Amino acid sequence: LERKLGPEEVAYRDGPCKSKVAYLPLDHMVEQANLALGRDNWSTSVIKFEQDFCDEVLPGKYSCGISAIVRVTLRNGTFKEDVGYGVSYKRNSFSIAIDMAKKVAVSDAIKRTLRQFGMPLGLSLGIPEHLASLRR
């Protein structure tokens, strides 16, 4: 769990002020967790959802913001928890806006929780020197 991520593993999205933000796609994190922790040695559960807002922003268009607390539990009972946040914009129905925000929040929370288990699960993305080396 000490191996740092390589440049081929990291994706980038647009960030504030025309910056690029490094992240790991969820499917990559799950694959890495299976390799590092063992395919049947860990599980996830949603502990709590909290809806911050859900508004009709235009006629027939809804936006929602939801937080989720997720727990990753190892077979031996050890667990880690973290919070994730999801927003959906201008969806065609209230229920779709909520559903999309929940999915984003859970995905974010799973990734934030898994990184607590080590470098190949995203922890190395929090090291500025390592991030800089990936961009060279």
N, C-alpha and C. Protein backbone atom coordinates (compact mmCIF):
# COMPACT_ATOMS: atom_id res chain seq x y z
N LEU A 1 0.81 -1.21 0.00
CA LEU A 1 0.00 0.00 0.00
C LEU A 1 0.85 1.27 0.00
N GLU A 2 2.13 1.12 -0.26
CA GLU A 2 3.01 2.29 -0.29
C GLU A 2 3.30 2.77 -1.72
N ARG A 3 2.94 1.98 -2.73
CA ARG A 3 3.21 2.37 -4.12
C ARG A 3 2.42 3.61 -4.49
N LYS A 4 3.13 4.61 -5.02
CA LYS A 4 2.46 5.83 -5.46
C LYS A 4 1.89 5.62 -6.86
N LEU A 5 0.90 6.42 -7.18
CA LEU A 5 0.24 6.31 -8.48
C LEU A 5 1.15 6.77 -9.60
N GLY A 6 1.03 6.12 -10.75
CA GLY A 6 1.75 6.53 -11.94
C GLY A 6 0.90 7.47 -12.79
N PRO A 7 1.52 8.19 -13.73
CA PRO A 7 0.79 9.17 -14.54
C PRO A 7 -0.32 8.55 -15.38
N GLU A 8 -0.17 7.29 -15.76
CA GLU A 8 -1.20 6.62 -16.57
C GLU A 8 -2.46 6.30 -15.76
N GLU A 9 -2.39 6.39 -14.44
CA GLU A 9 -3.53 6.06 -13.59
C GLU A 9 -4.38 7.27 -13.23
N VAL A 10 -3.85 8.46 -13.45
CA VAL A 10 -4.50 9.68 -12.98
C VAL A 10 -5.23 10.37 -14.12
N ALA A 11 -6.46 10.80 -13.85
CA ALA A 11 -7.25 11.57 -14.81
C ALA A 11 -7.31 13.02 -14.31
N TYR A 12 -7.71 13.92 -15.20
CA TYR A 12 -7.79 15.34 -14.85
C TYR A 12 -9.13 15.89 -15.30
N ARG A 13 -9.65 16.82 -14.49
CA ARG A 13 -10.87 17.55 -14.86
C ARG A 13 -10.61 19.03 -14.68
N ASP A 14 -11.47 19.83 -15.29
CA ASP A 14 -11.33 21.27 -15.16
C ASP A 14 -11.61 21.69 -13.72
N GLY A 15 -10.79 22.59 -13.23
CA GLY A 15 -10.94 23.12 -11.88
C GLY A 15 -11.14 24.62 -11.92
N PRO A 16 -11.06 25.26 -10.77
CA PRO A 16 -11.26 26.71 -10.72
C PRO A 16 -10.13 27.46 -11.43
N CYS A 17 -10.45 28.61 -11.97
CA CYS A 17 -9.46 29.50 -12.60
C CYS A 17 -8.65 28.80 -13.69
N LYS A 18 -9.31 28.02 -14.51
CA LYS A 18 -8.68 27.32 -15.63
C LYS A 18 -7.59 26.33 -15.22
N SER A 19 -7.66 25.86 -13.97
CA SER A 19 -6.70 24.87 -13.50
C SER A 19 -7.19 23.46 -13.85
N LYS A 20 -6.34 22.48 -13.65
CA LYS A 20 -6.69 21.08 -13.82
C LYS A 20 -6.57 20.39 -12.47
N VAL A 21 -7.59 19.59 -12.13
CA VAL A 21 -7.62 18.89 -10.86
C VAL A 21 -7.42 17.40 -11.13
N ALA A 22 -6.46 16.80 -10.44
CA ALA A 22 -6.19 15.37 -10.60
C ALA A 22 -7.19 14.56 -9.79
N TYR A 23 -7.62 13.43 -10.37
CA TYR A 23 -8.53 12.53 -9.65
C TYR A 23 -8.37 11.12 -10.19
N LEU A 24 -8.92 10.16 -9.47
CA LEU A 24 -8.96 8.78 -9.92
C LEU A 24 -10.40 8.40 -10.21
N PRO A 25 -10.68 7.85 -11.38
CA PRO A 25 -12.04 7.37 -11.66
C PRO A 25 -12.42 6.25 -10.67
N LEU A 26 -13.69 6.17 -10.33
CA LEU A 26 -14.14 5.18 -9.35
C LEU A 26 -13.81 3.75 -9.77
N ASP A 27 -13.98 3.42 -11.04
CA ASP A 27 -13.70 2.04 -11.45
C ASP A 27 -12.23 1.69 -11.24
N HIS A 28 -11.33 2.63 -11.44
CA HIS A 28 -9.91 2.39 -11.18
C HIS A 28 -9.66 2.19 -9.69
N MET A 29 -10.33 2.99 -8.86
CA MET A 29 -10.15 2.86 -7.40
C MET A 29 -10.64 1.51 -6.91
N VAL A 30 -11.77 1.06 -7.43
CA VAL A 30 -12.30 -0.25 -7.03
C VAL A 30 -11.34 -1.35 -7.47
N GLU A 31 -10.81 -1.25 -8.68
CA GLU A 31 -9.83 -2.23 -9.16
C GLU A 31 -8.60 -2.25 -8.26
N GLN A 32 -8.09 -1.08 -7.91
CA GLN A 32 -6.91 -0.99 -7.04
C GLN A 32 -7.21 -1.52 -5.64
N ALA A 33 -8.42 -1.24 -5.12
CA ALA A 33 -8.81 -1.75 -3.81
C ALA A 33 -8.88 -3.28 -3.83
N ASN A 34 -9.40 -3.83 -4.91
CA ASN A 34 -9.45 -5.29 -5.03
C ASN A 34 -8.04 -5.89 -5.04
N LEU A 35 -7.11 -5.23 -5.73
CA LEU A 35 -5.73 -5.72 -5.76
C LEU A 35 -5.04 -5.57 -4.41
N ALA A 36 -5.23 -4.41 -3.77
CA ALA A 36 -4.52 -4.11 -2.52
C ALA A 36 -5.13 -4.80 -1.30
N LEU A 37 -6.46 -4.87 -1.27
CA LEU A 37 -7.15 -5.37 -0.07
C LEU A 37 -7.68 -6.79 -0.25
N GLY A 38 -7.82 -7.23 -1.49
CA GLY A 38 -8.40 -8.54 -1.76
C GLY A 38 -9.84 -8.39 -2.22
N ARG A 39 -10.18 -9.04 -3.30
CA ARG A 39 -11.49 -8.86 -3.95
C ARG A 39 -12.68 -9.05 -3.01
N ASP A 40 -12.61 -10.04 -2.15
CA ASP A 40 -13.74 -10.31 -1.25
C ASP A 40 -13.44 -9.91 0.19
N ASN A 41 -12.46 -9.06 0.37
CA ASN A 41 -12.05 -8.70 1.73
C ASN A 41 -12.51 -7.32 2.18
N TRP A 42 -13.34 -6.64 1.37
CA TRP A 42 -13.80 -5.32 1.77
C TRP A 42 -15.20 -5.08 1.21
N SER A 43 -15.91 -4.17 1.84
CA SER A 43 -17.25 -3.83 1.38
C SER A 43 -17.53 -2.36 1.71
N THR A 44 -18.55 -1.82 1.06
CA THR A 44 -18.95 -0.43 1.33
C THR A 44 -20.39 -0.40 1.81
N SER A 45 -20.71 0.61 2.59
CA SER A 45 -22.09 0.85 2.99
C SER A 45 -22.30 2.35 3.17
N VAL A 46 -23.48 2.80 2.79
CA VAL A 46 -23.85 4.20 2.98
C VAL A 46 -24.40 4.34 4.39
N ILE A 47 -23.79 5.21 5.16
CA ILE A 47 -24.20 5.43 6.54
C ILE A 47 -25.30 6.48 6.62
N LYS A 48 -25.18 7.53 5.79
CA LYS A 48 -26.14 8.63 5.90
C LYS A 48 -26.14 9.48 4.64
N PHE A 49 -27.32 9.95 4.24
CA PHE A 49 -27.49 10.98 3.22
C PHE A 49 -28.02 12.22 3.90
N GLU A 50 -27.59 13.38 3.42
CA GLU A 50 -28.17 14.64 3.89
C GLU A 50 -28.36 15.56 2.70
N GLN A 51 -29.59 15.97 2.48
CA GLN A 51 -29.91 16.84 1.35
C GLN A 51 -29.73 18.29 1.78
N ASP A 52 -28.83 19.00 1.08
CA ASP A 52 -28.61 20.41 1.38
C ASP A 52 -29.63 21.29 0.69
N PHE A 53 -29.91 20.98 -0.57
CA PHE A 53 -30.91 21.76 -1.31
C PHE A 53 -31.44 20.93 -2.45
N CYS A 54 -32.60 21.25 -2.88
CA CYS A 54 -33.19 20.72 -4.11
C CYS A 54 -34.23 21.74 -4.55
N ASP A 55 -33.90 22.45 -5.61
CA ASP A 55 -34.72 23.59 -6.03
C ASP A 55 -35.09 23.48 -7.50
N GLU A 56 -36.24 24.05 -7.84
CA GLU A 56 -36.60 24.21 -9.24
C GLU A 56 -35.91 25.50 -9.69
N VAL A 57 -34.88 25.36 -10.51
CA VAL A 57 -34.06 26.51 -10.90
C VAL A 57 -34.57 27.19 -12.16
N LEU A 58 -35.29 26.45 -12.97
CA LEU A 58 -36.00 26.95 -14.15
C LEU A 58 -37.30 26.15 -14.20
N PRO A 59 -38.28 26.61 -14.94
CA PRO A 59 -39.51 25.82 -15.04
C PRO A 59 -39.22 24.39 -15.52
N GLY A 60 -39.52 23.40 -14.67
CA GLY A 60 -39.32 22.00 -15.01
C GLY A 60 -37.88 21.52 -14.92
N LYS A 61 -36.98 22.32 -14.37
CA LYS A 61 -35.57 21.95 -14.22
C LYS A 61 -35.17 22.05 -12.75
N TYR A 62 -34.56 20.96 -12.23
CA TYR A 62 -34.26 20.86 -10.80
C TYR A 62 -32.77 20.63 -10.58
N SER A 63 -32.26 21.25 -9.53
CA SER A 63 -30.88 21.06 -9.10
C SER A 63 -30.87 20.67 -7.63
N CYS A 64 -29.97 19.74 -7.28
CA CYS A 64 -29.88 19.25 -5.89
C CYS A 64 -28.43 19.13 -5.45
N GLY A 65 -28.23 19.28 -4.15
CA GLY A 65 -26.94 19.04 -3.52
C GLY A 65 -27.13 18.12 -2.33
N ILE A 66 -26.37 17.03 -2.30
CA ILE A 66 -26.53 16.01 -1.27
C ILE A 66 -25.15 15.55 -0.79
N SER A 67 -25.03 15.34 0.52
CA SER A 67 -23.80 14.75 1.07
C SER A 67 -24.10 13.30 1.47
N ALA A 68 -23.05 12.49 1.44
CA ALA A 68 -23.18 11.08 1.82
C ALA A 68 -22.00 10.70 2.69
N ILE A 69 -22.26 9.95 3.75
CA ILE A 69 -21.20 9.35 4.54
C ILE A 69 -21.16 7.87 4.17
N VAL A 70 -19.97 7.41 3.80
CA VAL A 70 -19.77 6.02 3.37
C VAL A 70 -18.74 5.37 4.28
N ARG A 71 -18.97 4.10 4.56
CA ARG A 71 -18.03 3.30 5.35
C ARG A 71 -17.47 2.19 4.46
N VAL A 72 -16.16 2.03 4.51
CA VAL A 72 -15.49 0.89 3.87
C VAL A 72 -15.03 -0.01 5.01
N THR A 73 -15.50 -1.24 5.00
CA THR A 73 -15.20 -2.19 6.06
C THR A 73 -14.38 -3.35 5.50
N LEU A 74 -13.29 -3.67 6.19
CA LEU A 74 -12.48 -4.83 5.83
C LEU A 74 -13.06 -6.07 6.51
N ARG A 75 -12.74 -7.23 5.97
CA ARG A 75 -13.27 -8.49 6.50
C ARG A 75 -12.97 -8.65 7.99
N ASN A 76 -11.82 -8.12 8.46
CA ASN A 76 -11.45 -8.27 9.87
C ASN A 76 -12.17 -7.28 10.78
N GLY A 77 -13.06 -6.47 10.23
CA GLY A 77 -13.85 -5.52 11.03
C GLY A 77 -13.32 -4.11 11.05
N THR A 78 -12.07 -3.91 10.63
CA THR A 78 -11.52 -2.55 10.53
C THR A 78 -12.34 -1.75 9.53
N PHE A 79 -12.60 -0.49 9.84
CA PHE A 79 -13.34 0.32 8.88
C PHE A 79 -12.85 1.76 8.88
N LYS A 80 -13.13 2.44 7.79
CA LYS A 80 -12.85 3.87 7.61
C LYS A 80 -14.12 4.49 7.06
N GLU A 81 -14.33 5.77 7.40
CA GLU A 81 -15.48 6.51 6.89
C GLU A 81 -15.03 7.87 6.37
N ASP A 82 -15.79 8.39 5.42
CA ASP A 82 -15.56 9.76 4.96
C ASP A 82 -16.84 10.26 4.31
N VAL A 83 -16.85 11.55 4.05
CA VAL A 83 -18.02 12.20 3.47
C VAL A 83 -17.73 12.58 2.02
N GLY A 84 -18.74 12.50 1.19
CA GLY A 84 -18.64 12.94 -0.20
C GLY A 84 -19.80 13.87 -0.50
N TYR A 85 -19.66 14.62 -1.58
CA TYR A 85 -20.70 15.58 -1.94
C TYR A 85 -21.03 15.45 -3.41
N GLY A 86 -22.31 15.56 -3.71
CA GLY A 86 -22.75 15.47 -5.10
C GLY A 86 -23.77 16.54 -5.41
N VAL A 87 -23.65 17.09 -6.61
CA VAL A 87 -24.60 18.10 -7.10
C VAL A 87 -25.07 17.67 -8.47
N SER A 88 -26.34 17.85 -8.73
CA SER A 88 -26.88 17.66 -10.07
C SER A 88 -27.56 18.96 -10.48
N TYR A 89 -27.38 19.31 -11.75
CA TYR A 89 -27.88 20.60 -12.24
C TYR A 89 -28.93 20.42 -13.33
N LYS A 90 -29.98 21.17 -13.23
CA LYS A 90 -30.98 21.32 -14.29
C LYS A 90 -31.48 19.99 -14.86
N ARG A 91 -31.89 19.10 -13.97
CA ARG A 91 -32.45 17.81 -14.38
C ARG A 91 -33.94 17.97 -14.66
N ASN A 92 -34.48 17.05 -15.45
CA ASN A 92 -35.87 17.18 -15.89
C ASN A 92 -36.91 16.84 -14.85
N SER A 93 -36.50 16.23 -13.75
CA SER A 93 -37.46 15.93 -12.69
C SER A 93 -36.76 16.01 -11.34
N PHE A 94 -37.57 16.21 -10.32
CA PHE A 94 -37.08 16.28 -8.94
C PHE A 94 -36.38 14.96 -8.57
N SER A 95 -37.01 13.83 -8.90
CA SER A 95 -36.45 12.52 -8.52
C SER A 95 -35.14 12.22 -9.23
N ILE A 96 -35.03 12.61 -10.51
CA ILE A 96 -33.78 12.39 -11.23
C ILE A 96 -32.68 13.26 -10.64
N ALA A 97 -32.99 14.49 -10.28
CA ALA A 97 -32.00 15.39 -9.67
C ALA A 97 -31.48 14.80 -8.36
N ILE A 98 -32.37 14.28 -7.54
CA ILE A 98 -31.96 13.67 -6.27
C ILE A 98 -31.11 12.43 -6.53
N ASP A 99 -31.57 11.56 -7.43
CA ASP A 99 -30.86 10.33 -7.73
C ASP A 99 -29.44 10.60 -8.24
N MET A 100 -29.30 11.53 -9.16
CA MET A 100 -27.97 11.85 -9.70
C MET A 100 -27.05 12.44 -8.63
N ALA A 101 -27.57 13.32 -7.80
CA ALA A 101 -26.76 13.92 -6.73
C ALA A 101 -26.31 12.85 -5.73
N LYS A 102 -27.21 11.89 -5.41
CA LYS A 102 -26.83 10.81 -4.50
C LYS A 102 -25.72 9.95 -5.08
N LYS A 103 -25.82 9.61 -6.38
CA LYS A 103 -24.80 8.78 -7.02
C LYS A 103 -23.44 9.47 -6.99
N VAL A 104 -23.42 10.76 -7.29
CA VAL A 104 -22.16 11.50 -7.27
C VAL A 104 -21.60 11.57 -5.85
N ALA A 105 -22.48 11.80 -4.87
CA ALA A 105 -22.04 11.90 -3.47
C ALA A 105 -21.45 10.57 -2.99
N VAL A 106 -22.08 9.47 -3.32
CA VAL A 106 -21.58 8.15 -2.90
C VAL A 106 -20.26 7.84 -3.59
N SER A 107 -20.16 8.11 -4.88
CA SER A 107 -18.92 7.89 -5.60
C SER A 107 -17.78 8.70 -4.98
N ASP A 108 -18.04 9.96 -4.69
CA ASP A 108 -17.04 10.83 -4.07
C ASP A 108 -16.65 10.30 -2.69
N ALA A 109 -17.63 9.88 -1.91
CA ALA A 109 -17.36 9.38 -0.55
C ALA A 109 -16.56 8.08 -0.59
N ILE A 110 -16.87 7.18 -1.52
CA ILE A 110 -16.11 5.94 -1.63
C ILE A 110 -14.66 6.25 -1.95
N LYS A 111 -14.43 7.14 -2.91
CA LYS A 111 -13.05 7.48 -3.28
C LYS A 111 -12.32 8.14 -2.12
N ARG A 112 -12.99 9.03 -1.41
CA ARG A 112 -12.35 9.70 -0.27
C ARG A 112 -12.05 8.71 0.86
N THR A 113 -12.91 7.73 1.03
CA THR A 113 -12.68 6.73 2.08
C THR A 113 -11.56 5.77 1.69
N LEU A 114 -11.57 5.28 0.45
CA LEU A 114 -10.54 4.33 0.02
C LEU A 114 -9.14 4.92 0.09
N ARG A 115 -9.02 6.22 -0.16
CA ARG A 115 -7.66 6.81 -0.14
C ARG A 115 -7.02 6.70 1.25
N GLN A 116 -7.82 6.53 2.28
CA GLN A 116 -7.27 6.37 3.63
C GLN A 116 -6.51 5.06 3.80
N PHE A 117 -6.68 4.13 2.85
CA PHE A 117 -6.01 2.84 2.93
C PHE A 117 -4.64 2.83 2.26
N GLY A 118 -4.22 3.93 1.63
CA GLY A 118 -2.85 3.95 1.13
C GLY A 118 -2.64 4.65 -0.19
N MET A 119 -1.38 4.72 -0.57
CA MET A 119 -0.93 5.46 -1.74
C MET A 119 -1.61 5.03 -3.05
N PRO A 120 -1.69 3.73 -3.39
CA PRO A 120 -2.28 3.38 -4.68
C PRO A 120 -3.80 3.58 -4.73
N LEU A 121 -4.39 3.91 -3.59
CA LEU A 121 -5.83 4.15 -3.55
C LEU A 121 -6.15 5.64 -3.49
N GLY A 122 -5.19 6.46 -3.90
CA GLY A 122 -5.44 7.89 -4.03
C GLY A 122 -4.77 8.78 -3.02
N LEU A 123 -4.21 8.22 -1.97
CA LEU A 123 -3.56 9.03 -0.94
C LEU A 123 -2.42 9.86 -1.53
N SER A 124 -1.71 9.31 -2.51
CA SER A 124 -0.57 10.04 -3.09
C SER A 124 -1.00 11.29 -3.85
N LEU A 125 -2.27 11.40 -4.21
CA LEU A 125 -2.73 12.62 -4.89
C LEU A 125 -2.74 13.83 -3.96
N GLY A 126 -2.62 13.59 -2.67
CA GLY A 126 -2.56 14.69 -1.71
C GLY A 126 -1.15 15.17 -1.42
N ILE A 127 -0.17 14.63 -2.12
CA ILE A 127 1.23 15.02 -1.92
C ILE A 127 1.63 15.94 -3.08
N PRO A 128 1.80 17.24 -2.82
CA PRO A 128 2.08 18.19 -3.91
C PRO A 128 3.29 17.80 -4.77
N GLU A 129 4.35 17.31 -4.15
CA GLU A 129 5.54 16.93 -4.91
C GLU A 129 5.24 15.78 -5.87
N HIS A 130 4.43 14.85 -5.41
CA HIS A 130 4.08 13.72 -6.27
C HIS A 130 3.20 14.18 -7.43
N LEU A 131 2.24 15.04 -7.15
CA LEU A 131 1.40 15.58 -8.22
C LEU A 131 2.24 16.30 -9.27
N ALA A 132 3.18 17.09 -8.82
CA ALA A 132 4.06 17.82 -9.75
C ALA A 132 4.86 16.85 -10.61
N SER A 133 5.32 15.74 -10.03
CA SER A 133 6.11 14.77 -10.79
C SER A 133 5.25 14.06 -11.85
N LEU A 134 3.95 13.93 -11.61
CA LEU A 134 3.06 13.29 -12.58
C LEU A 134 2.87 14.15 -13.82
N ARG A 135 2.98 15.45 -13.67
CA ARG A 135 2.71 16.38 -14.77
C ARG A 135 3.93 16.65 -15.64
N ARG A 136 5.08 16.16 -15.26
CA ARG A 136 6.30 16.40 -16.04
C ARG A 136 6.31 15.63 -17.33
